[in-house]
Each structure stands twice: as structure tokens, then as C-alpha cells.
Amino acid sequence: MDISTVPVDQLSYNQAIEELQQIVAEMQDANCDVDNLTAYTRRAAALITECRRRLTLADDELQQILATLNPEQSAE
């Protein structure tokens, strides 16, 4: 498997998760090239960071939307 050169912020969330799953599978393979472990780990860390960032943003936005549906609760 070649490490993707596409910046993680240009991938969709699903593409990032799919690439992360591919990296994990490659790293678990008994024939994994040890020389690539650092690159795989670096790319996986970048993908995880980007996915977490997007999930946090989505959660924040959902909380804001839900707060507008029940304004009494947001005043508490």
C-alpha cells in the first residue's frame, strides 16, 4: 500500500475513515514493511486528528441547532 499524498483536510470523512482502516489492515499484516511503519503511523495520526476535529465541529453545530429547538433549556 502506498501512503496517500492527498492532504487529510481534502478528504471526506468517509474517505479518511476508509484510508485509516486500510492503514490498520496493512500494519496488522504479517508482511508489513517495517520501513513504512513510521509513515503509516504519521498518516494514521493525521487522519485521526482530522476525523476528531470534524466530529467535534459537527457535535458543536448539532448542539447549537438543538438549543434553538428548546430555548428554555439553553437559558439554564
N, C-alpha and C. Protein backbone atom coordinates (compact mmCIF):
# COMPACT_ATOMS: atom_id res chain seq x y z
N MET A 1 0.85 -1.18 0.00
CA MET A 1 0.00 0.00 0.00
C MET A 1 0.89 1.24 0.00
N ASP A 2 0.56 2.17 -0.86
CA ASP A 2 1.28 3.44 -0.88
C ASP A 2 0.56 4.42 0.03
N ILE A 3 1.32 5.22 0.74
CA ILE A 3 0.75 6.25 1.59
C ILE A 3 0.18 7.34 0.70
N SER A 4 -1.04 7.72 0.94
CA SER A 4 -1.67 8.78 0.16
C SER A 4 -0.97 10.10 0.39
N THR A 5 -0.92 10.89 -0.65
CA THR A 5 -0.33 12.23 -0.53
C THR A 5 -1.41 13.30 -0.51
N VAL A 6 -2.68 12.88 -0.57
CA VAL A 6 -3.78 13.83 -0.53
C VAL A 6 -3.85 14.40 0.88
N PRO A 7 -3.85 15.73 1.02
CA PRO A 7 -3.97 16.31 2.37
C PRO A 7 -5.24 15.81 3.06
N VAL A 8 -5.14 15.48 4.34
CA VAL A 8 -6.28 14.90 5.04
C VAL A 8 -7.48 15.84 5.07
N ASP A 9 -7.25 17.15 5.06
CA ASP A 9 -8.38 18.08 5.09
C ASP A 9 -9.11 18.16 3.75
N GLN A 10 -8.58 17.50 2.73
CA GLN A 10 -9.25 17.46 1.43
C GLN A 10 -10.04 16.16 1.22
N LEU A 11 -9.94 15.26 2.17
CA LEU A 11 -10.69 14.01 2.11
C LEU A 11 -12.05 14.20 2.78
N SER A 12 -13.03 13.45 2.31
CA SER A 12 -14.29 13.42 3.04
C SER A 12 -14.07 12.61 4.31
N TYR A 13 -14.97 12.74 5.25
CA TYR A 13 -14.86 11.96 6.49
C TYR A 13 -14.79 10.47 6.18
N ASN A 14 -15.68 10.02 5.28
CA ASN A 14 -15.71 8.59 4.94
C ASN A 14 -14.42 8.14 4.25
N GLN A 15 -13.86 8.99 3.40
CA GLN A 15 -12.60 8.65 2.76
C GLN A 15 -11.48 8.52 3.80
N ALA A 16 -11.48 9.42 4.77
CA ALA A 16 -10.46 9.39 5.82
C ALA A 16 -10.58 8.11 6.64
N ILE A 17 -11.80 7.74 7.00
CA ILE A 17 -12.02 6.50 7.77
C ILE A 17 -11.61 5.29 6.95
N GLU A 18 -11.95 5.27 5.68
CA GLU A 18 -11.59 4.15 4.82
C GLU A 18 -10.06 4.02 4.71
N GLU A 19 -9.38 5.15 4.54
CA GLU A 19 -7.92 5.10 4.45
C GLU A 19 -7.32 4.64 5.78
N LEU A 20 -7.88 5.10 6.87
CA LEU A 20 -7.41 4.68 8.19
C LEU A 20 -7.56 3.17 8.36
N GLN A 21 -8.69 2.62 7.92
CA GLN A 21 -8.91 1.17 8.00
C GLN A 21 -7.90 0.41 7.14
N GLN A 22 -7.57 0.96 5.99
CA GLN A 22 -6.58 0.33 5.12
C GLN A 22 -5.20 0.34 5.77
N ILE A 23 -4.86 1.44 6.41
CA ILE A 23 -3.56 1.53 7.09
C ILE A 23 -3.49 0.52 8.23
N VAL A 24 -4.55 0.43 9.01
CA VAL A 24 -4.57 -0.52 10.13
C VAL A 24 -4.42 -1.95 9.60
N ALA A 25 -5.14 -2.27 8.54
CA ALA A 25 -5.04 -3.61 7.97
C ALA A 25 -3.62 -3.88 7.47
N GLU A 26 -3.01 -2.90 6.85
CA GLU A 26 -1.65 -3.05 6.34
C GLU A 26 -0.67 -3.26 7.50
N MET A 27 -0.84 -2.50 8.58
CA MET A 27 0.06 -2.61 9.72
C MET A 27 -0.10 -3.95 10.45
N GLN A 28 -1.30 -4.54 10.38
CA GLN A 28 -1.55 -5.82 11.03
C GLN A 28 -1.09 -7.00 10.19
N ASP A 29 -0.83 -6.76 8.93
CA ASP A 29 -0.38 -7.81 8.02
C ASP A 29 1.02 -8.28 8.43
N ALA A 30 1.20 -9.57 8.47
CA ALA A 30 2.50 -10.14 8.85
C ALA A 30 3.60 -9.72 7.88
N ASN A 31 3.25 -9.37 6.67
CA ASN A 31 4.23 -8.99 5.66
C ASN A 31 4.41 -7.47 5.57
N CYS A 32 3.96 -6.76 6.57
CA CYS A 32 4.08 -5.30 6.57
C CYS A 32 5.55 -4.91 6.52
N ASP A 33 5.85 -3.99 5.66
CA ASP A 33 7.21 -3.49 5.53
C ASP A 33 7.54 -2.59 6.72
N VAL A 34 8.46 -3.02 7.54
CA VAL A 34 8.83 -2.30 8.76
C VAL A 34 9.30 -0.88 8.42
N ASP A 35 9.91 -0.72 7.27
CA ASP A 35 10.40 0.60 6.88
C ASP A 35 9.26 1.60 6.68
N ASN A 36 8.05 1.12 6.51
CA ASN A 36 6.90 2.02 6.29
C ASN A 36 6.12 2.31 7.57
N LEU A 37 6.45 1.65 8.66
CA LEU A 37 5.66 1.81 9.89
C LEU A 37 5.57 3.26 10.35
N THR A 38 6.66 3.99 10.29
CA THR A 38 6.64 5.38 10.73
C THR A 38 5.71 6.21 9.84
N ALA A 39 5.80 6.00 8.54
CA ALA A 39 4.93 6.75 7.61
C ALA A 39 3.47 6.39 7.82
N TYR A 40 3.19 5.10 8.02
CA TYR A 40 1.81 4.68 8.28
C TYR A 40 1.29 5.32 9.56
N THR A 41 2.11 5.29 10.60
CA THR A 41 1.69 5.85 11.88
C THR A 41 1.46 7.35 11.78
N ARG A 42 2.33 8.06 11.09
CA ARG A 42 2.19 9.50 10.91
C ARG A 42 0.89 9.83 10.16
N ARG A 43 0.64 9.10 9.09
CA ARG A 43 -0.57 9.34 8.29
C ARG A 43 -1.81 8.98 9.11
N ALA A 44 -1.77 7.88 9.83
CA ALA A 44 -2.91 7.48 10.66
C ALA A 44 -3.21 8.53 11.71
N ALA A 45 -2.18 9.07 12.33
CA ALA A 45 -2.36 10.11 13.35
C ALA A 45 -3.01 11.35 12.73
N ALA A 46 -2.58 11.72 11.54
CA ALA A 46 -3.17 12.89 10.87
C ALA A 46 -4.64 12.63 10.53
N LEU A 47 -4.94 11.44 10.08
CA LEU A 47 -6.33 11.08 9.76
C LEU A 47 -7.20 11.10 11.00
N ILE A 48 -6.71 10.54 12.10
CA ILE A 48 -7.47 10.51 13.35
C ILE A 48 -7.71 11.93 13.85
N THR A 49 -6.70 12.77 13.79
CA THR A 49 -6.83 14.15 14.24
C THR A 49 -7.89 14.88 13.43
N GLU A 50 -7.87 14.70 12.12
CA GLU A 50 -8.84 15.37 11.25
C GLU A 50 -10.25 14.84 11.51
N CYS A 51 -10.40 13.54 11.69
CA CYS A 51 -11.72 12.97 11.95
C CYS A 51 -12.27 13.48 13.28
N ARG A 52 -11.43 13.54 14.30
CA ARG A 52 -11.86 14.07 15.60
C ARG A 52 -12.28 15.53 15.49
N ARG A 53 -11.51 16.30 14.72
CA ARG A 53 -11.83 17.72 14.53
C ARG A 53 -13.21 17.87 13.89
N ARG A 54 -13.47 17.07 12.88
CA ARG A 54 -14.77 17.16 12.19
C ARG A 54 -15.91 16.70 13.09
N LEU A 55 -15.68 15.65 13.86
CA LEU A 55 -16.72 15.18 14.78
C LEU A 55 -17.03 16.23 15.84
N THR A 56 -16.01 16.90 16.34
CA THR A 56 -16.20 17.95 17.34
C THR A 56 -16.99 19.11 16.74
N LEU A 57 -16.63 19.51 15.53
CA LEU A 57 -17.36 20.60 14.85
C LEU A 57 -18.82 20.22 14.62
N ALA A 58 -19.04 18.99 14.19
CA ALA A 58 -20.41 18.53 13.95
C ALA A 58 -21.20 18.50 15.25
N ASP A 59 -20.57 18.02 16.33
CA ASP A 59 -21.24 17.99 17.63
C ASP A 59 -21.59 19.40 18.09
N ASP A 60 -20.66 20.33 17.96
CA ASP A 60 -20.92 21.72 18.36
C ASP A 60 -22.09 22.30 17.57
N GLU A 61 -22.08 22.06 16.27
CA GLU A 61 -23.16 22.59 15.43
C GLU A 61 -24.50 21.95 15.78
N LEU A 62 -24.50 20.65 16.03
CA LEU A 62 -25.75 19.98 16.41
C LEU A 62 -26.27 20.51 17.75
N GLN A 63 -25.37 20.75 18.68
CA GLN A 63 -25.79 21.30 19.97
C GLN A 63 -26.42 22.68 19.79
N GLN A 64 -25.85 23.49 18.92
CA GLN A 64 -26.41 24.82 18.65
C GLN A 64 -27.79 24.72 18.01
N ILE A 65 -27.93 23.81 17.07
CA ILE A 65 -29.22 23.62 16.41
C ILE A 65 -30.26 23.14 17.40
N LEU A 66 -29.90 22.16 18.21
CA LEU A 66 -30.84 21.62 19.20
C LEU A 66 -31.21 22.68 20.24
N ALA A 67 -30.28 23.54 20.58
CA ALA A 67 -30.57 24.60 21.55
C ALA A 67 -31.63 25.55 21.02
N THR A 68 -31.68 25.75 19.71
CA THR A 68 -32.70 26.65 19.15
C THR A 68 -34.08 26.00 19.19
N LEU A 69 -34.14 24.67 19.28
CA LEU A 69 -35.43 23.98 19.34
C LEU A 69 -36.04 24.04 20.73
N ASN A 70 -35.21 24.21 21.75
CA ASN A 70 -35.68 24.28 23.11
C ASN A 70 -34.96 25.44 23.81
N PRO A 71 -35.38 26.68 23.53
CA PRO A 71 -34.66 27.83 24.07
C PRO A 71 -34.67 27.90 25.60
N GLU A 72 -35.65 27.30 26.27
CA GLU A 72 -35.69 27.32 27.73
C GLU A 72 -34.50 26.58 28.31
N GLN A 73 -34.13 25.46 27.68
CA GLN A 73 -33.01 24.67 28.17
C GLN A 73 -31.68 25.39 27.97
N SER A 74 -31.54 26.14 26.90
CA SER A 74 -30.26 26.83 26.66
C SER A 74 -30.05 28.00 27.60
N ALA A 75 -31.12 28.48 28.24
CA ALA A 75 -31.01 29.59 29.19
C ALA A 75 -30.49 29.11 30.55
N GLU A 76 -30.55 27.82 30.79
CA GLU A 76 -30.12 27.27 32.10
C GLU A 76 -28.64 27.27 32.26
